[in-house]
Amino acid sequence: MEILIFLVPLASVVVAIAVWAFIWALRRGQFDDLDSPAWRIVFDDQERQHKPDVDTDNDEGDSK
């Protein structure tokens, strides 16, 4: 039972740190847009498929 004297305050400190970290992340905008990063991966692949390839028949004589 004596261990509770140590564990209860320790648990309170850990919870306080977790709440502080959550509020800090909330104020920094970490949870503003949760859907766009996941969909950005899908849309990037689709945009690359629809772009035309680079013209290999260059009549102007430019070399790369």
Protein backbone atom coordinates (compact mmCIF):
# COMPACT_ATOMS: atom_id res chain seq x y z
CA MET A 1 0.00 0.00 0.00
CA GLU A 2 2.92 2.33 0.52
CA ILE A 3 3.62 2.20 -3.21
CA LEU A 4 0.41 4.17 -3.82
CA ILE A 5 2.05 7.19 -2.22
CA PHE A 6 4.54 7.11 -5.10
CA LEU A 7 2.32 5.88 -7.96
CA VAL A 8 -0.64 8.26 -7.61
CA PRO A 9 1.43 11.46 -7.90
CA LEU A 10 3.51 9.90 -10.68
CA ALA A 11 0.36 9.00 -12.63
CA SER A 12 -0.96 12.52 -12.09
CA VAL A 13 2.24 14.01 -13.51
CA VAL A 14 2.11 11.71 -16.55
CA VAL A 15 -1.53 12.65 -17.23
CA ALA A 16 -0.70 16.34 -16.86
CA ILE A 17 2.15 16.00 -19.38
CA ALA A 18 -0.13 14.16 -21.82
CA VAL A 19 -2.84 16.84 -21.55
CA TRP A 20 -0.25 19.59 -22.03
CA ALA A 21 1.15 17.83 -25.13
CA PHE A 22 -2.35 17.45 -26.58
CA ILE A 23 -3.19 21.13 -26.03
CA TRP A 24 0.18 22.18 -27.47
CA ALA A 25 -0.42 20.09 -30.62
CA LEU A 26 -3.97 21.43 -30.91
CA ARG A 27 -2.77 25.04 -30.78
CA ARG A 28 -0.05 24.35 -33.36
CA GLY A 29 -2.63 23.10 -35.87
CA GLN A 30 -1.72 19.43 -35.92
CA PHE A 31 -5.37 18.38 -36.12
CA ASP A 32 -6.67 21.02 -38.56
CA ASP A 33 -6.80 18.87 -41.69
CA LEU A 34 -6.68 15.12 -41.22
CA ASP A 35 -8.11 14.04 -44.59
CA SER A 36 -6.04 15.89 -47.20
CA PRO A 37 -2.65 14.24 -46.56
CA ALA A 38 -4.14 10.78 -47.07
CA TRP A 39 -5.97 11.77 -50.27
CA ARG A 40 -2.99 13.71 -51.63
CA ILE A 41 -1.18 10.42 -52.26
CA VAL A 42 -4.06 9.11 -54.38
CA PHE A 43 -4.51 12.33 -56.36
CA ASP A 44 -0.79 12.70 -57.09
CA ASP A 45 -0.74 9.30 -58.79
CA GLN A 46 -3.76 10.14 -60.91
CA GLU A 47 -2.31 13.49 -62.00
CA ARG A 48 0.94 11.89 -63.11
CA GLN A 49 -0.92 9.36 -65.25
CA HIS A 50 -2.84 12.07 -67.13
CA LYS A 51 0.11 14.35 -67.90
CA PRO A 52 1.45 14.01 -71.44
CA ASP A 53 4.93 12.63 -71.90
CA VAL A 54 7.77 14.90 -72.92
CA ASP A 55 8.03 15.30 -76.68
CA THR A 56 11.08 13.34 -77.81
CA ASP A 57 10.88 14.62 -81.43
CA ASN A 58 12.41 18.02 -80.89
CA ASP A 59 12.60 19.83 -84.23
CA GLU A 60 14.36 22.91 -82.84
CA GLY A 61 17.65 21.10 -82.31
CA ASP A 62 17.87 21.71 -78.60
CA SER A 63 19.96 19.15 -76.81
CA LYS A 64 19.80 18.34 -73.14
